[in-house]
Amino acid sequence: MRTLVHLALSTLLLTLPAAHAAGPRPVLLTTERVWTGDGSAHSGWGVLVVDGRIHSAGPASGLAAPADAERIDLPGATLVPGLIDLHSHLLLHPYNETSWDDQVMKEAPE
């Protein structure tokens, strides 16, 4: 019995790196609208995510999703792919060191 358990654990440990190296499956997100920042929301579009990154966005019928892609439909939603924080204060101290008011209102602009 002990040998069988060791064999099973060894097999599992040998297969884990291969499973991890394969990466996540591609994902095709389809929704009612996709907003791309150009001032309008596009109906009937989708977003293809490969290896955790946006691969393409466009009319869902024209996206070449791999056969093994997970397909997620988001009815009634608006998808905003690639939304990032365009406003941050990189040089502020943590608020437990100095309050926001002291940093922004009282420090010199330089």
N, C-alpha and C. Protein backbone atom coordinates (compact mmCIF):
# COMPACT_ATOMS: atom_id res chain seq x y z
N MET A 1 0.83 -1.20 0.00
CA MET A 1 0.00 0.00 0.00
C MET A 1 0.87 1.26 0.00
N ARG A 2 1.93 1.21 0.81
CA ARG A 2 2.81 2.37 0.90
C ARG A 2 3.47 2.67 -0.45
N THR A 3 3.87 1.64 -1.17
CA THR A 3 4.48 1.82 -2.48
C THR A 3 3.48 2.43 -3.45
N LEU A 4 2.25 2.03 -3.38
CA LEU A 4 1.21 2.57 -4.25
C LEU A 4 0.99 4.06 -3.99
N VAL A 5 1.00 4.47 -2.73
CA VAL A 5 0.83 5.88 -2.38
C VAL A 5 2.03 6.69 -2.90
N HIS A 6 3.24 6.16 -2.74
CA HIS A 6 4.43 6.85 -3.23
C HIS A 6 4.38 7.00 -4.75
N LEU A 7 3.95 5.97 -5.43
CA LEU A 7 3.84 6.00 -6.88
C LEU A 7 2.81 7.05 -7.31
N ALA A 8 1.68 7.10 -6.64
CA ALA A 8 0.64 8.08 -6.97
C ALA A 8 1.13 9.50 -6.74
N LEU A 9 1.79 9.74 -5.62
CA LEU A 9 2.31 11.08 -5.32
C LEU A 9 3.41 11.48 -6.31
N SER A 10 4.28 10.56 -6.65
CA SER A 10 5.33 10.84 -7.62
C SER A 10 4.75 11.21 -8.98
N THR A 11 3.75 10.47 -9.40
CA THR A 11 3.09 10.76 -10.68
C THR A 11 2.45 12.14 -10.65
N LEU A 12 1.79 12.47 -9.56
CA LEU A 12 1.17 13.78 -9.43
C LEU A 12 2.20 14.89 -9.49
N LEU A 13 3.29 14.73 -8.76
CA LEU A 13 4.33 15.75 -8.75
C LEU A 13 4.99 15.93 -10.11
N LEU A 14 5.11 14.87 -10.86
CA LEU A 14 5.71 14.96 -12.19
C LEU A 14 4.77 15.62 -13.20
N THR A 15 3.47 15.50 -13.00
CA THR A 15 2.53 16.08 -13.97
C THR A 15 2.18 17.53 -13.65
N LEU A 16 2.39 18.00 -12.43
CA LEU A 16 2.04 19.38 -12.08
C LEU A 16 2.77 20.42 -12.92
N PRO A 17 4.10 20.32 -13.12
CA PRO A 17 4.75 21.34 -13.94
C PRO A 17 4.21 21.40 -15.36
N ALA A 18 3.90 20.26 -15.96
CA ALA A 18 3.35 20.25 -17.31
C ALA A 18 1.98 20.91 -17.36
N ALA A 19 1.16 20.67 -16.35
CA ALA A 19 -0.17 21.29 -16.32
C ALA A 19 -0.05 22.79 -16.13
N HIS A 20 0.89 23.22 -15.31
CA HIS A 20 1.08 24.65 -15.08
C HIS A 20 1.65 25.34 -16.33
N ALA A 21 2.57 24.67 -17.03
CA ALA A 21 3.19 25.25 -18.22
C ALA A 21 2.17 25.46 -19.33
N ALA A 22 1.13 24.64 -19.36
CA ALA A 22 0.13 24.77 -20.41
C ALA A 22 -0.59 26.10 -20.33
N GLY A 23 -0.66 26.70 -19.15
CA GLY A 23 -1.31 28.00 -18.98
C GLY A 23 -2.82 27.89 -19.01
N PRO A 24 -3.46 29.01 -18.75
CA PRO A 24 -4.92 29.01 -18.75
C PRO A 24 -5.47 28.88 -20.17
N ARG A 25 -6.68 28.37 -20.25
CA ARG A 25 -7.34 28.27 -21.55
C ARG A 25 -7.67 29.67 -22.05
N PRO A 26 -7.68 29.86 -23.37
CA PRO A 26 -8.16 31.14 -23.91
C PRO A 26 -9.62 31.34 -23.51
N VAL A 27 -10.03 32.60 -23.41
CA VAL A 27 -11.39 32.93 -23.01
C VAL A 27 -11.97 33.90 -24.04
N LEU A 28 -13.16 33.59 -24.53
CA LEU A 28 -13.87 34.49 -25.42
C LEU A 28 -15.05 35.07 -24.64
N LEU A 29 -15.02 36.38 -24.43
CA LEU A 29 -16.09 37.08 -23.71
C LEU A 29 -16.99 37.73 -24.75
N THR A 30 -18.27 37.41 -24.69
CA THR A 30 -19.24 38.08 -25.56
C THR A 30 -20.25 38.78 -24.67
N THR A 31 -20.68 39.93 -25.11
CA THR A 31 -21.55 40.76 -24.29
C THR A 31 -22.43 41.61 -25.19
N GLU A 32 -23.31 42.36 -24.59
CA GLU A 32 -24.20 43.22 -25.38
C GLU A 32 -23.42 44.36 -26.05
N ARG A 33 -22.46 44.93 -25.29
CA ARG A 33 -21.69 46.06 -25.82
C ARG A 33 -20.25 45.96 -25.36
N VAL A 34 -19.34 46.45 -26.23
CA VAL A 34 -17.93 46.60 -25.85
C VAL A 34 -17.57 48.05 -26.09
N TRP A 35 -17.10 48.70 -25.04
CA TRP A 35 -16.69 50.10 -25.14
C TRP A 35 -15.17 50.15 -25.27
N THR A 36 -14.68 50.79 -26.31
CA THR A 36 -13.24 50.80 -26.58
C THR A 36 -12.60 52.16 -26.32
N GLY A 37 -13.37 53.12 -25.86
CA GLY A 37 -12.80 54.42 -25.55
C GLY A 37 -12.84 55.39 -26.72
N ASP A 38 -13.42 54.98 -27.82
CA ASP A 38 -13.47 55.87 -28.98
C ASP A 38 -14.76 56.69 -29.02
N GLY A 39 -15.50 56.67 -27.93
CA GLY A 39 -16.70 57.49 -27.85
C GLY A 39 -18.00 56.74 -28.07
N SER A 40 -17.92 55.47 -28.42
CA SER A 40 -19.16 54.72 -28.62
C SER A 40 -18.99 53.29 -28.13
N ALA A 41 -20.11 52.66 -27.84
CA ALA A 41 -20.12 51.25 -27.45
C ALA A 41 -20.52 50.44 -28.68
N HIS A 42 -19.79 49.37 -28.93
CA HIS A 42 -20.02 48.56 -30.12
C HIS A 42 -20.88 47.35 -29.76
N SER A 43 -22.00 47.20 -30.44
CA SER A 43 -22.89 46.06 -30.21
C SER A 43 -22.39 44.86 -31.00
N GLY A 44 -22.59 43.67 -30.41
CA GLY A 44 -22.23 42.44 -31.10
C GLY A 44 -20.74 42.14 -31.11
N TRP A 45 -19.97 42.81 -30.29
CA TRP A 45 -18.53 42.58 -30.23
C TRP A 45 -18.20 41.57 -29.15
N GLY A 46 -16.97 41.10 -29.19
CA GLY A 46 -16.44 40.21 -28.17
C GLY A 46 -14.99 40.56 -27.90
N VAL A 47 -14.45 39.94 -26.87
CA VAL A 47 -13.05 40.14 -26.50
C VAL A 47 -12.43 38.76 -26.29
N LEU A 48 -11.31 38.51 -26.96
CA LEU A 48 -10.59 37.25 -26.84
C LEU A 48 -9.38 37.47 -25.94
N VAL A 49 -9.29 36.68 -24.87
CA VAL A 49 -8.19 36.77 -23.92
C VAL A 49 -7.36 35.49 -24.04
N VAL A 50 -6.07 35.66 -24.32
CA VAL A 50 -5.15 34.53 -24.46
C VAL A 50 -3.97 34.75 -23.52
N ASP A 51 -3.64 33.73 -22.74
CA ASP A 51 -2.54 33.82 -21.77
C ASP A 51 -2.70 35.00 -20.82
N GLY A 52 -3.95 35.28 -20.43
CA GLY A 52 -4.21 36.33 -19.46
C GLY A 52 -4.13 37.74 -20.01
N ARG A 53 -4.01 37.90 -21.33
CA ARG A 53 -3.92 39.23 -21.95
C ARG A 53 -4.95 39.35 -23.07
N ILE A 54 -5.39 40.56 -23.29
CA ILE A 54 -6.33 40.79 -24.39
C ILE A 54 -5.60 40.53 -25.70
N HIS A 55 -6.12 39.59 -26.45
CA HIS A 55 -5.53 39.23 -27.74
C HIS A 55 -6.18 40.03 -28.86
N SER A 56 -7.51 40.13 -28.82
CA SER A 56 -8.22 40.88 -29.85
C SER A 56 -9.61 41.24 -29.36
N ALA A 57 -10.15 42.30 -29.96
CA ALA A 57 -11.52 42.73 -29.70
C ALA A 57 -12.12 43.15 -31.02
N GLY A 58 -13.36 42.82 -31.22
CA GLY A 58 -14.01 43.18 -32.47
C GLY A 58 -15.33 42.44 -32.60
N PRO A 59 -15.95 42.52 -33.78
CA PRO A 59 -17.20 41.80 -33.98
C PRO A 59 -17.02 40.33 -33.60
N ALA A 60 -17.88 39.83 -32.73
CA ALA A 60 -17.73 38.47 -32.20
C ALA A 60 -17.68 37.43 -33.31
N SER A 61 -18.42 37.66 -34.39
CA SER A 61 -18.43 36.70 -35.48
C SER A 61 -17.09 36.63 -36.21
N GLY A 62 -16.26 37.66 -36.07
CA GLY A 62 -14.97 37.69 -36.75
C GLY A 62 -13.79 37.32 -35.89
N LEU A 63 -14.00 37.07 -34.60
CA LEU A 63 -12.89 36.71 -33.72
C LEU A 63 -12.55 35.23 -33.89
N ALA A 64 -11.29 34.95 -34.15
CA ALA A 64 -10.85 33.58 -34.36
C ALA A 64 -10.45 32.96 -33.02
N ALA A 65 -11.45 32.52 -32.28
CA ALA A 65 -11.19 31.90 -30.98
C ALA A 65 -10.77 30.45 -31.18
N PRO A 66 -9.74 29.99 -30.46
CA PRO A 66 -9.35 28.58 -30.55
C PRO A 66 -10.51 27.67 -30.14
N ALA A 67 -10.49 26.46 -30.63
CA ALA A 67 -11.57 25.51 -30.35
C ALA A 67 -11.71 25.21 -28.86
N ASP A 68 -10.59 25.28 -28.11
CA ASP A 68 -10.65 24.96 -26.68
C ASP A 68 -10.95 26.18 -25.82
N ALA A 69 -11.26 27.31 -26.43
CA ALA A 69 -11.51 28.54 -25.66
C ALA A 69 -12.77 28.40 -24.81
N GLU A 70 -12.66 28.88 -23.59
CA GLU A 70 -13.84 28.96 -22.73
C GLU A 70 -14.68 30.12 -23.23
N ARG A 71 -15.95 29.93 -23.37
CA ARG A 71 -16.84 30.97 -23.88
C ARG A 71 -17.74 31.46 -22.76
N ILE A 72 -17.67 32.76 -22.51
CA ILE A 72 -18.47 33.36 -21.44
C ILE A 72 -19.33 34.45 -22.04
N ASP A 73 -20.64 34.29 -21.92
CA ASP A 73 -21.59 35.28 -22.42
C ASP A 73 -22.02 36.17 -21.25
N LEU A 74 -21.99 37.46 -21.46
CA LEU A 74 -22.37 38.43 -20.43
C LEU A 74 -23.54 39.27 -20.95
N PRO A 75 -24.74 38.70 -20.98
CA PRO A 75 -25.88 39.41 -21.56
C PRO A 75 -26.22 40.68 -20.78
N GLY A 76 -26.52 41.73 -21.53
CA GLY A 76 -26.94 42.99 -20.93
C GLY A 76 -25.82 43.82 -20.34
N ALA A 77 -24.59 43.35 -20.45
CA ALA A 77 -23.46 44.07 -19.84
C ALA A 77 -22.68 44.85 -20.89
N THR A 78 -21.92 45.83 -20.41
CA THR A 78 -20.97 46.55 -21.25
C THR A 78 -19.58 46.20 -20.76
N LEU A 79 -18.76 45.68 -21.64
CA LEU A 79 -17.40 45.28 -21.31
C LEU A 79 -16.45 46.42 -21.69
N VAL A 80 -15.52 46.72 -20.79
CA VAL A 80 -14.53 47.77 -21.04
C VAL A 80 -13.15 47.09 -20.95
N PRO A 81 -12.66 46.52 -22.06
CA PRO A 81 -11.39 45.79 -22.00
C PRO A 81 -10.22 46.74 -21.82
N GLY A 82 -9.28 46.32 -21.00
CA GLY A 82 -8.04 47.08 -20.83
C GLY A 82 -8.18 48.32 -19.98
N LEU A 83 -9.26 48.44 -19.21
CA LEU A 83 -9.43 49.62 -18.37
C LEU A 83 -8.31 49.67 -17.35
N ILE A 84 -7.64 50.81 -17.30
CA ILE A 84 -6.53 50.97 -16.37
C ILE A 84 -6.72 52.26 -15.59
N ASP A 85 -6.04 52.38 -14.49
CA ASP A 85 -6.07 53.59 -13.68
C ASP A 85 -5.17 54.63 -14.33
N LEU A 86 -5.74 55.67 -14.87
CA LEU A 86 -4.96 56.71 -15.54
C LEU A 86 -4.62 57.85 -14.60
N HIS A 87 -4.93 57.72 -13.34
CA HIS A 87 -4.66 58.78 -12.38
C HIS A 87 -4.13 58.17 -11.09
N SER A 88 -2.88 58.42 -10.82
CA SER A 88 -2.32 57.92 -9.56
C SER A 88 -1.22 58.88 -9.10
N HIS A 89 -0.93 58.79 -7.84
CA HIS A 89 0.11 59.61 -7.23
C HIS A 89 1.22 58.67 -6.79
N LEU A 90 2.20 58.47 -7.66
CA LEU A 90 3.24 57.49 -7.39
C LEU A 90 4.16 57.89 -6.24
N LEU A 91 4.33 59.17 -6.00
CA LEU A 91 5.31 59.60 -5.02
C LEU A 91 4.72 59.96 -3.67
N LEU A 92 3.44 59.68 -3.45
CA LEU A 92 2.86 59.95 -2.15
C LEU A 92 3.33 58.91 -1.14
N HIS A 93 3.46 59.34 0.09
CA HIS A 93 3.80 58.43 1.18
C HIS A 93 2.54 57.67 1.59
N PRO A 94 2.69 56.51 2.21
CA PRO A 94 1.50 55.84 2.74
C PRO A 94 0.80 56.74 3.75
N TYR A 95 -0.52 56.63 3.81
CA TYR A 95 -1.29 57.54 4.66
C TYR A 95 -1.05 57.32 6.15
N ASN A 96 -0.45 56.18 6.52
CA ASN A 96 -0.12 56.00 7.93
C ASN A 96 1.16 56.74 8.30
N GLU A 97 1.90 57.24 7.29
CA GLU A 97 3.10 58.06 7.54
C GLU A 97 2.76 59.54 7.55
N THR A 98 1.99 59.97 6.57
CA THR A 98 1.64 61.37 6.41
C THR A 98 0.26 61.44 5.78
N SER A 99 -0.58 62.34 6.28
CA SER A 99 -1.94 62.43 5.74
C SER A 99 -1.91 62.96 4.30
N TRP A 100 -2.97 62.67 3.57
CA TRP A 100 -3.09 63.14 2.19
C TRP A 100 -3.04 64.66 2.15
N ASP A 101 -3.76 65.33 3.05
CA ASP A 101 -3.77 66.80 3.08
C ASP A 101 -2.37 67.36 3.27
N ASP A 102 -1.59 66.78 4.18
CA ASP A 102 -0.24 67.28 4.42
C ASP A 102 0.65 67.09 3.18
N GLN A 103 0.44 66.01 2.46
CA GLN A 103 1.27 65.74 1.29
C GLN A 103 0.89 66.61 0.10
N VAL A 104 -0.39 66.76 -0.12
CA VAL A 104 -0.85 67.43 -1.34
C VAL A 104 -1.07 68.93 -1.13
N MET A 105 -1.59 69.30 0.01
CA MET A 105 -1.95 70.70 0.24
C MET A 105 -0.80 71.55 0.79
N LYS A 106 0.16 70.91 1.47
CA LYS A 106 1.19 71.69 2.16
C LYS A 106 2.58 71.54 1.59
N GLU A 107 2.86 70.46 0.83
CA GLU A 107 4.18 70.27 0.28
C GLU A 107 4.37 71.12 -0.96
N ALA A 108 5.61 71.45 -1.24
CA ALA A 108 5.92 72.22 -2.45
C ALA A 108 5.64 71.36 -3.68
N PRO A 109 5.19 71.97 -4.78
CA PRO A 109 4.87 71.20 -5.99
C PRO A 109 6.03 70.34 -6.50
N GLU A 110 7.26 70.81 -6.34
CA GLU A 110 8.39 70.01 -6.83
C GLU A 110 8.47 68.73 -6.04
